[in-house]
Amino acid sequence: MTDTAVPDKDNWLGDIILRVKDPIGYEVSKATAAEIATNAQVQQAAHGPGIYLDRDHAEGMVEQAIQVRAHLVNDQSITASLERMRSAAADPVSVGFTKAATWNGGQPGAFAYGSGHVRLEILYLDELISRLNKALGRTAQNEQETQKTLNGVQEGAT
């Protein structure tokens, strides 16, 4: 079982540990199921609280989170423009609506709250993607080193 996640108390997801178990070796007979269940309880007690995922599920979650994040980035451009909206006219009703929807004396209005919420969702997904990749043993540094290695092999092959 891969357990690369370490609790990070400085982060708002710091208490959640993601663990990915490889499917190899988990196909067992019913005779050993009780022993494995007991072992899993011992392992969980040793590692503390966390979420256990199989590799395929974790990889699927990363892909889904990346897709949702891409949609939110698009939504963020829309909500940011609503947040910066200017009043259509100088009349009291238009100005009052604009203040209620955007910013009124440093206080966020409806559109400003929505824009801030989308930004927070993106930050949440960034952290979730990062933690899932870490639990899967994938990091940006590992991927960059692998790409450099592959580029070196391709250059050497020509």
C-alpha atoms as a PDB file:
ATOM      1  CA  MET A   1       0.000   0.000   0.000  1.00  0.00           C
ATOM      2  CA  THR A   2       1.366   3.408  -0.942  1.00  0.00           C
ATOM      3  CA  ASP A   3       1.148   5.885   1.918  1.00  0.00           C
ATOM      4  CA  THR A   4       3.050   8.939   0.795  1.00  0.00           C
ATOM      5  CA  ALA A   5       0.709  11.496   2.324  1.00  0.00           C
ATOM      6  CA  VAL A   6       1.903  13.132   5.524  1.00  0.00           C
ATOM      7  CA  PRO A   7      -0.440  15.208   7.677  1.00  0.00           C
ATOM      8  CA  ASP A   8       0.127  18.932   7.168  1.00  0.00           C
ATOM      9  CA  LYS A   9      -1.225  20.891  10.117  1.00  0.00           C
ATOM     10  CA  ASP A  10      -0.661  24.241   8.305  1.00  0.00           C
ATOM     11  CA  ASN A  11      -3.179  23.331   5.633  1.00  0.00           C
ATOM     12  CA  TRP A  12      -6.975  23.234   5.872  1.00  0.00           C
ATOM     13  CA  LEU A  13      -6.930  19.681   4.485  1.00  0.00           C
ATOM     14  CA  GLY A  14      -4.069  18.844   6.833  1.00  0.00           C
ATOM     15  CA  ASP A  15      -5.878  16.208   8.862  1.00  0.00           C
ATOM     16  CA  ILE A  16      -6.897  14.148   5.834  1.00  0.00           C
ATOM     17  CA  ILE A  17      -4.517  11.489   4.619  1.00  0.00           C
ATOM     18  CA  LEU A  18      -5.098   9.861   1.239  1.00  0.00           C
ATOM     19  CA  ARG A  19      -3.782   6.345   0.752  1.00  0.00           C
ATOM     20  CA  VAL A  20      -3.802   4.373  -2.476  1.00  0.00           C
ATOM     21  CA  LYS A  21      -3.652   0.621  -2.450  1.00  0.00           C
ATOM     22  CA  ASP A  22      -2.576  -1.268  -5.525  1.00  0.00           C
ATOM     23  CA  PRO A  23      -4.975  -4.022  -6.606  1.00  0.00           C
ATOM     24  CA  ILE A  24      -2.180  -6.637  -6.723  1.00  0.00           C
ATOM     25  CA  GLY A  25      -2.492  -9.082  -3.874  1.00  0.00           C
ATOM     26  CA  TYR A  26      -6.005  -8.091  -2.821  1.00  0.00           C
ATOM     27  CA  GLU A  27      -7.675 -11.001  -4.592  1.00  0.00           C
ATOM     28  CA  VAL A  28      -7.978 -13.451  -1.703  1.00  0.00           C
ATOM     29  CA  SER A  29     -10.082 -16.395  -0.759  1.00  0.00           C
ATOM     30  CA  LYS A  30     -12.907 -16.198   1.786  1.00  0.00           C
ATOM     31  CA  ALA A  31     -10.785 -18.184   4.259  1.00  0.00           C
ATOM     32  CA  THR A  32      -8.321 -15.330   4.676  1.00  0.00           C
ATOM     33  CA  ALA A  33     -10.856 -12.464   4.511  1.00  0.00           C
ATOM     34  CA  ALA A  34     -11.192 -12.225   8.311  1.00  0.00           C
ATOM     35  CA  GLU A  35      -7.416 -12.067   8.719  1.00  0.00           C
ATOM     36  CA  ILE A  36      -7.162  -9.318   6.110  1.00  0.00           C
ATOM     37  CA  ALA A  37      -9.974  -7.326   7.734  1.00  0.00           C
ATOM     38  CA  THR A  38      -8.187  -7.512  11.077  1.00  0.00           C
ATOM     39  CA  ASN A  39      -4.926  -6.489   9.422  1.00  0.00           C
ATOM     40  CA  ALA A  40      -6.649  -3.509   7.780  1.00  0.00           C
ATOM     41  CA  GLN A  41      -7.918  -2.368  11.195  1.00  0.00           C
ATOM     42  CA  VAL A  42      -4.408  -2.633  12.617  1.00  0.00           C
ATOM     43  CA  GLN A  43      -2.982  -0.717   9.645  1.00  0.00           C
ATOM     44  CA  GLN A  44      -5.590   2.015   9.967  1.00  0.00           C
ATOM     45  CA  ALA A  45      -4.905   2.330  13.688  1.00  0.00           C
ATOM     46  CA  ALA A  46      -1.191   2.626  12.952  1.00  0.00           C
ATOM     47  CA  HIS A  47      -1.638   5.272  10.261  1.00  0.00           C
ATOM     48  CA  GLY A  48      -4.445   7.235  11.878  1.00  0.00           C
ATOM     49  CA  PRO A  49      -7.484   8.674  10.146  1.00  0.00           C
ATOM     50  CA  GLY A  50      -7.549   8.882   6.402  1.00  0.00           C
ATOM     51  CA  ILE A  51      -9.234   7.824   3.214  1.00  0.00           C
ATOM     52  CA  TYR A  52      -8.329   4.591   1.451  1.00  0.00           C
ATOM     53  CA  LEU A  53      -8.743   4.470  -2.328  1.00  0.00           C
ATOM     54  CA  ASP A  54      -7.752   1.946  -4.924  1.00  0.00           C
ATOM     55  CA  ARG A  55      -5.399   3.249  -7.637  1.00  0.00           C
ATOM     56  CA  ASP A  56      -8.002   3.291 -10.446  1.00  0.00           C
ATOM     57  CA  HIS A  57     -10.481   5.231  -8.335  1.00  0.00           C
ATOM     58  CA  ALA A  58      -7.836   7.742  -7.239  1.00  0.00           C
ATOM     59  CA  GLU A  59      -6.675   8.280 -10.824  1.00  0.00           C
ATOM     60  CA  GLY A  60     -10.288   8.748 -11.930  1.00  0.00           C
ATOM     61  CA  MET A  61     -10.821  11.290  -9.164  1.00  0.00           C
ATOM     62  CA  VAL A  62      -7.763  13.250 -10.319  1.00  0.00           C
ATOM     63  CA  GLU A  63      -9.066  13.365 -13.886  1.00  0.00           C
ATOM     64  CA  GLN A  64     -12.545  14.443 -12.760  1.00  0.00           C
ATOM     65  CA  ALA A  65     -11.129  17.107 -10.452  1.00  0.00           C
ATOM     66  CA  ILE A  66      -8.973  18.470 -13.298  1.00  0.00           C
ATOM     67  CA  GLN A  67     -12.043  18.683 -15.565  1.00  0.00           C
ATOM     68  CA  VAL A  68     -14.158  20.406 -12.904  1.00  0.00           C
ATOM     69  CA  ARG A  69     -11.307  22.822 -12.195  1.00  0.00           C
ATOM     70  CA  ALA A  70     -11.083  23.732 -15.897  1.00  0.00           C
ATOM     71  CA  HIS A  71     -14.807  24.555 -15.916  1.00  0.00           C
ATOM     72  CA  LEU A  72     -14.431  26.643 -12.759  1.00  0.00           C
ATOM     73  CA  VAL A  73     -11.555  28.621 -14.275  1.00  0.00           C
ATOM     74  CA  ASN A  74     -13.892  29.502 -17.150  1.00  0.00           C
ATOM     75  CA  ASP A  75     -16.638  30.395 -14.672  1.00  0.00           C
ATOM     76  CA  GLN A  76     -14.174  32.512 -12.716  1.00  0.00           C
ATOM     77  CA  SER A  77     -13.650  34.833 -15.681  1.00  0.00           C
ATOM     78  CA  ILE A  78     -17.417  35.336 -15.870  1.00  0.00           C
ATOM     79  CA  THR A  79     -17.901  35.879 -12.140  1.00  0.00           C
ATOM     80  CA  ALA A  80     -14.922  38.249 -11.989  1.00  0.00           C
ATOM     81  CA  SER A  81     -16.491  40.425 -14.696  1.00  0.00           C
ATOM     82  CA  LEU A  82     -19.793  40.457 -12.771  1.00  0.00           C
ATOM     83  CA  GLU A  83     -17.911  41.396  -9.621  1.00  0.00           C
ATOM     84  CA  ARG A  84     -16.374  44.412 -11.421  1.00  0.00           C
ATOM     85  CA  MET A  85     -19.668  45.439 -13.029  1.00  0.00           C
ATOM     86  CA  ARG A  86     -20.344  49.179 -13.247  1.00  0.00           C
ATOM     87  CA  SER A  87     -23.716  50.840 -12.857  1.00  0.00           C
ATOM     88  CA  ALA A  88     -25.689  51.193 -16.102  1.00  0.00           C
ATOM     89  CA  ALA A  89     -26.865  54.663 -15.138  1.00  0.00           C
ATOM     90  CA  ALA A  90     -26.288  57.252 -12.442  1.00  0.00           C
ATOM     91  CA  ASP A  91     -29.831  56.982 -11.068  1.00  0.00           C
ATOM     92  CA  PRO A  92     -30.267  55.814  -7.438  1.00  0.00           C
ATOM     93  CA  VAL A  93     -31.882  52.478  -8.350  1.00  0.00           C
ATOM     94  CA  SER A  94     -29.096  51.441 -10.750  1.00  0.00           C
ATOM     95  CA  VAL A  95     -26.371  52.587  -8.356  1.00  0.00           C
ATOM     96  CA  GLY A  96     -28.081  50.807  -5.432  1.00  0.00           C
ATOM     97  CA  PHE A  97     -28.363  47.553  -7.380  1.00  0.00           C
ATOM     98  CA  THR A  98     -24.737  47.719  -8.477  1.00  0.00           C
ATOM     99  CA  LYS A  99     -23.582  48.281  -4.894  1.00  0.00           C
ATOM    100  CA  ALA A 100     -25.728  45.390  -3.624  1.00  0.00           C
ATOM    101  CA  ALA A 101     -24.419  43.085  -6.353  1.00  0.00           C
ATOM    102  CA  THR A 102     -20.729  44.026  -6.356  1.00  0.00           C
ATOM    103  CA  TRP A 103     -19.038  45.923  -3.512  1.00  0.00           C
ATOM    104  CA  ASN A 104     -20.556  48.412  -1.095  1.00  0.00           C
ATOM    105  CA  GLY A 105     -18.023  50.177   1.103  1.00  0.00           C
ATOM    106  CA  GLY A 106     -15.696  47.198   1.256  1.00  0.00           C
ATOM    107  CA  GLN A 107     -18.533  44.725   1.848  1.00  0.00           C
ATOM    108  CA  PRO A 108     -19.031  42.079  -0.844  1.00  0.00           C
ATOM    109  CA  GLY A 109     -22.381  41.904  -2.599  1.00  0.00           C
ATOM    110  CA  ALA A 110     -24.036  38.882  -4.231  1.00  0.00           C
ATOM    111  CA  PHE A 111     -21.808  38.793  -7.330  1.00  0.00           C
ATOM    112  CA  ALA A 112     -18.681  39.443  -5.267  1.00  0.00           C
ATOM    113  CA  TYR A 113     -19.581  36.588  -2.900  1.00  0.00           C
ATOM    114  CA  GLY A 114     -20.143  34.305  -5.886  1.00  0.00           C
ATOM    115  CA  SER A 115     -16.833  35.251  -7.436  1.00  0.00           C
ATOM    116  CA  GLY A 116     -15.032  34.650  -4.148  1.00  0.00           C
ATOM    117  CA  HIS A 117     -16.752  31.283  -3.782  1.00  0.00           C
ATOM    118  CA  VAL A 118     -15.560  30.175  -7.236  1.00  0.00           C
ATOM    119  CA  ARG A 119     -12.004  31.221  -6.311  1.00  0.00           C
ATOM    120  CA  LEU A 120     -12.232  29.141  -3.113  1.00  0.00           C
ATOM    121  CA  GLU A 121     -13.510  26.114  -5.053  1.00  0.00           C
ATOM    122  CA  ILE A 122     -10.525  26.364  -7.398  1.00  0.00           C
ATOM    123  CA  LEU A 123      -8.141  26.515  -4.437  1.00  0.00           C
ATOM    124  CA  TYR A 124      -9.872  23.468  -2.917  1.00  0.00           C
ATOM    125  CA  LEU A 125      -9.538  21.505  -6.151  1.00  0.00           C
ATOM    126  CA  ASP A 126      -5.877  22.523  -6.510  1.00  0.00           C
ATOM    127  CA  GLU A 127      -5.199  21.088  -3.063  1.00  0.00           C
ATOM    128  CA  LEU A 128      -7.254  17.949  -3.701  1.00  0.00           C
ATOM    129  CA  ILE A 129      -5.466  17.291  -7.011  1.00  0.00           C
ATOM    130  CA  SER A 130      -2.104  17.867  -5.352  1.00  0.00           C
ATOM    131  CA  ARG A 131      -2.874  15.471  -2.493  1.00  0.00           C
ATOM    132  CA  LEU A 132      -4.250  12.763  -4.769  1.00  0.00           C
ATOM    133  CA  ASN A 133      -1.186  13.022  -7.015  1.00  0.00           C
ATOM    134  CA  LYS A 134       1.062  12.821  -3.955  1.00  0.00           C
ATOM    135  CA  ALA A 135      -0.792   9.726  -2.709  1.00  0.00           C
ATOM    136  CA  LEU A 136      -0.395   8.207  -6.175  1.00  0.00           C
ATOM    137  CA  GLY A 137       3.326   8.936  -6.027  1.00  0.00           C
ATOM    138  CA  ARG A 138       3.095  11.533  -8.783  1.00  0.00           C
ATOM    139  CA  THR A 139       4.540  14.988  -8.378  1.00  0.00           C
ATOM    140  CA  ALA A 140       5.289  17.760 -10.836  1.00  0.00           C
ATOM    141  CA  GLN A 141       8.999  17.354 -10.089  1.00  0.00           C
ATOM    142  CA  ASN A 142       8.863  13.605 -10.841  1.00  0.00           C
ATOM    143  CA  GLU A 143       7.025  14.273 -14.087  1.00  0.00           C
ATOM    144  CA  GLN A 144       9.547  16.953 -15.126  1.00  0.00           C
ATOM    145  CA  GLU A 145      12.480  14.638 -14.364  1.00  0.00           C
ATOM    146  CA  THR A 146      10.811  11.834 -16.309  1.00  0.00           C
ATOM    147  CA  GLN A 147      10.232  14.162 -19.273  1.00  0.00           C
ATOM    148  CA  LYS A 148      13.904  15.243 -19.211  1.00  0.00           C
ATOM    149  CA  THR A 149      14.978  11.620 -19.096  1.00  0.00           C
ATOM    150  CA  LEU A 150      12.695  10.708 -21.988  1.00  0.00           C
ATOM    151  CA  ASN A 151      13.948  13.679 -24.007  1.00  0.00           C
ATOM    152  CA  GLY A 152      17.543  12.579 -23.358  1.00  0.00           C
ATOM    153  CA  VAL A 153      16.742   9.034 -24.513  1.00  0.00           C
ATOM    154  CA  GLN A 154      15.050  10.313 -27.672  1.00  0.00           C
ATOM    155  CA  GLU A 155      17.987  12.614 -28.466  1.00  0.00           C
ATOM    156  CA  GLY A 156      20.454   9.775 -27.880  1.00  0.00           C
ATOM    157  CA  ALA A 157      18.467   7.416 -30.119  1.00  0.00           C
ATOM    158  CA  THR A 158      18.729   9.674 -33.158  1.00  0.00           C
END
